[in-house]
């Protein structure tokens, strides 16, 4: 899960920086950076790894913690759940939508939900780390 997030999130962030924040050297250029198409391809090719990783942990981690009413990921876990579907669905729809208006809607949806996913996942990791530290300290006391 961590490797998938690093690959997909990293390529997505680099691609977004190239696409939206860089200016092309040539005013007639179609891309802003020579590596931009490669980053886009890497992002699209690694994204199924994240979806697959989410599927792998679904039953044991997600459903298991919901059943146990585990509060360690209570603030970030639901955020991850709420952003997963729009992030994955909009990523797919960006590639398949023909109309420009809908394409822009899916791009904005993907950028917002992906940014929320990255923040929620980082919070989830930090919360899990601090939860393990406090659990270990409680057991020693």
Protein backbone atom coordinates (compact mmCIF):
# COMPACT_ATOMS: atom_id res chain seq x y z
CA UNK A 1 0.00 0.00 0.00
CA UNK A 2 2.77 2.42 0.88
CA UNK A 3 4.75 1.67 -2.28
CA UNK A 4 1.62 2.01 -4.43
CA UNK A 5 0.81 5.37 -2.82
CA UNK A 6 4.36 6.57 -3.30
CA UNK A 7 4.41 5.57 -6.98
CA UNK A 8 0.96 6.84 -7.90
CA UNK A 9 1.05 9.94 -5.71
CA UNK A 10 4.61 10.80 -6.73
CA UNK A 11 4.01 10.46 -10.46
CA UNK A 12 0.70 12.30 -10.13
CA UNK A 13 2.23 15.22 -8.26
CA UNK A 14 5.17 15.50 -10.67
CA UNK A 15 2.84 15.30 -13.67
CA UNK A 16 0.52 17.96 -12.18
CA UNK A 17 3.49 20.26 -11.52
CA UNK A 18 4.66 19.86 -15.11
CA UNK A 19 1.20 20.34 -16.59
CA UNK A 20 -0.13 23.20 -14.48
CA UNK A 21 2.86 25.08 -13.08
CA UNK A 22 5.57 24.95 -15.75
CA UNK A 23 5.70 27.08 -18.86
CA UNK A 24 6.95 25.62 -22.14
CA UNK A 25 10.23 26.90 -23.53
CA UNK A 26 8.64 27.24 -26.96
CA UNK A 27 5.34 29.09 -27.31
CA UNK A 28 4.15 26.48 -29.84
CA UNK A 29 4.97 23.48 -27.66
CA UNK A 30 2.15 21.06 -26.83
CA UNK A 31 3.77 20.02 -23.53
CA UNK A 32 5.41 22.05 -20.80
CA UNK A 33 8.29 19.67 -20.07
CA UNK A 34 9.95 16.91 -22.12
CA UNK A 35 9.20 14.31 -19.40
CA UNK A 36 5.53 15.29 -19.09
CA UNK A 37 4.16 12.48 -21.32
CA UNK A 38 6.34 9.94 -19.53
CA UNK A 39 5.07 11.05 -16.12
CA UNK A 40 1.50 10.83 -17.34
CA UNK A 41 2.10 7.31 -18.67
CA UNK A 42 3.81 6.21 -15.46
CA UNK A 43 0.92 7.62 -13.43
CA UNK A 44 -1.69 5.83 -15.53
CA UNK A 45 0.29 2.57 -15.47
CA UNK A 46 0.88 2.61 -11.70
CA UNK A 47 -2.64 3.69 -10.68
CA UNK A 48 -4.05 0.13 -10.89
CA UNK A 49 -1.48 -0.88 -8.26
CA UNK A 50 -3.13 1.47 -5.78
CA UNK A 51 -6.62 0.22 -6.62
CA UNK A 52 -5.37 -3.37 -6.27
CA UNK A 53 -3.67 -2.58 -2.94
CA UNK A 54 -6.89 -1.03 -1.63
CA UNK A 55 -8.75 -4.18 -2.64
CA UNK A 56 -6.19 -6.38 -0.89
CA UNK A 57 -6.54 -4.62 2.45
CA UNK A 58 -10.30 -4.09 2.21
CA UNK A 59 -11.58 -7.14 4.10
CA UNK A 60 -8.94 -7.49 6.77
CA UNK A 61 -8.04 -3.88 7.52
CA UNK A 62 -10.99 -1.70 6.52
CA UNK A 63 -13.96 -3.95 7.25
CA UNK A 64 -12.17 -5.52 10.21
CA UNK A 65 -11.56 -2.15 11.85
CA UNK A 66 -15.10 -0.97 11.12
CA UNK A 67 -16.47 -4.10 12.82
CA UNK A 68 -14.17 -3.72 15.83
CA UNK A 69 -15.02 -0.04 16.08
CA UNK A 70 -11.27 0.65 16.15
CA UNK A 71 -10.69 4.38 16.75
CA UNK A 72 -7.00 4.62 15.83
CA UNK A 73 -7.75 5.69 12.24
CA UNK A 74 -11.07 7.30 13.07
CA UNK A 75 -10.21 10.71 11.62
CA UNK A 76 -8.34 9.68 8.46
CA UNK A 77 -9.84 6.28 7.63
CA UNK A 78 -13.27 7.60 6.59
CA UNK A 79 -11.55 10.34 4.59
CA UNK A 80 -9.68 7.68 2.66
CA UNK A 81 -12.91 5.79 2.04
CA UNK A 82 -14.71 8.92 0.84
CA UNK A 83 -11.96 9.95 -1.58
CA UNK A 84 -11.11 6.53 -3.04
CA UNK A 85 -14.14 6.18 -5.32
CA UNK A 86 -14.14 9.69 -6.83
CA UNK A 87 -10.36 9.57 -7.25
CA UNK A 88 -10.34 6.22 -9.07
CA UNK A 89 -13.52 6.86 -11.06
CA UNK A 90 -12.49 10.34 -12.21
CA UNK A 91 -9.04 9.05 -13.19
CA UNK A 92 -10.70 6.51 -15.45
CA UNK A 93 -13.23 9.01 -16.82
CA UNK A 94 -10.53 11.57 -17.69
CA UNK A 95 -9.15 9.02 -20.15
CA UNK A 96 -12.48 8.03 -21.68
CA UNK A 97 -14.57 11.22 -21.78
CA UNK A 98 -14.79 12.90 -25.17
CA UNK A 99 -16.63 16.13 -24.31
CA UNK A 100 -14.37 18.96 -23.11
CA UNK A 101 -16.77 20.19 -20.39
CA UNK A 102 -17.06 16.75 -18.79
CA UNK A 103 -13.33 16.23 -19.18
CA UNK A 104 -12.66 19.42 -17.19
CA UNK A 105 -15.15 18.32 -14.52
CA UNK A 106 -13.35 14.97 -14.16
CA UNK A 107 -9.94 16.66 -14.06
CA UNK A 108 -11.01 18.97 -11.23
CA UNK A 109 -12.68 16.07 -9.42
CA UNK A 110 -9.52 13.99 -9.78
CA UNK A 111 -7.21 16.78 -8.59
CA UNK A 112 -9.34 17.57 -5.54
CA UNK A 113 -10.01 13.96 -4.53
CA UNK A 114 -6.38 12.94 -5.13
CA UNK A 115 -5.10 15.83 -3.02
CA UNK A 116 -7.52 14.85 -0.26
CA UNK A 117 -6.40 11.20 -0.59
CA UNK A 118 -2.72 12.12 -0.24
CA UNK A 119 -3.40 14.25 2.84
CA UNK A 120 -5.67 11.62 4.42
CA UNK A 121 -3.19 8.82 3.73
CA UNK A 122 -0.34 10.82 5.26
CA UNK A 123 -2.54 11.53 8.28
CA UNK A 124 -3.45 7.86 8.47
CA UNK A 125 0.22 6.85 8.57
CA UNK A 126 1.06 9.47 11.20
CA UNK A 127 -1.98 8.48 13.28
CA UNK A 128 -1.05 4.80 13.07
CA UNK A 129 2.52 5.59 14.11
CA UNK A 130 1.44 7.66 17.12
CA UNK A 131 -1.21 5.09 17.99
CA UNK A 132 1.42 2.34 18.08
CA UNK A 133 3.67 4.51 20.24
CA UNK A 134 0.91 5.21 22.77
CA UNK A 135 -0.18 1.55 22.74
CA UNK A 136 3.40 0.47 23.47
CA UNK A 137 3.71 3.07 26.25
CA UNK A 138 0.39 1.91 27.79
CA UNK A 139 1.56 -1.72 27.83
CA UNK A 140 4.81 -0.78 29.58
CA UNK A 141 3.01 1.18 32.30
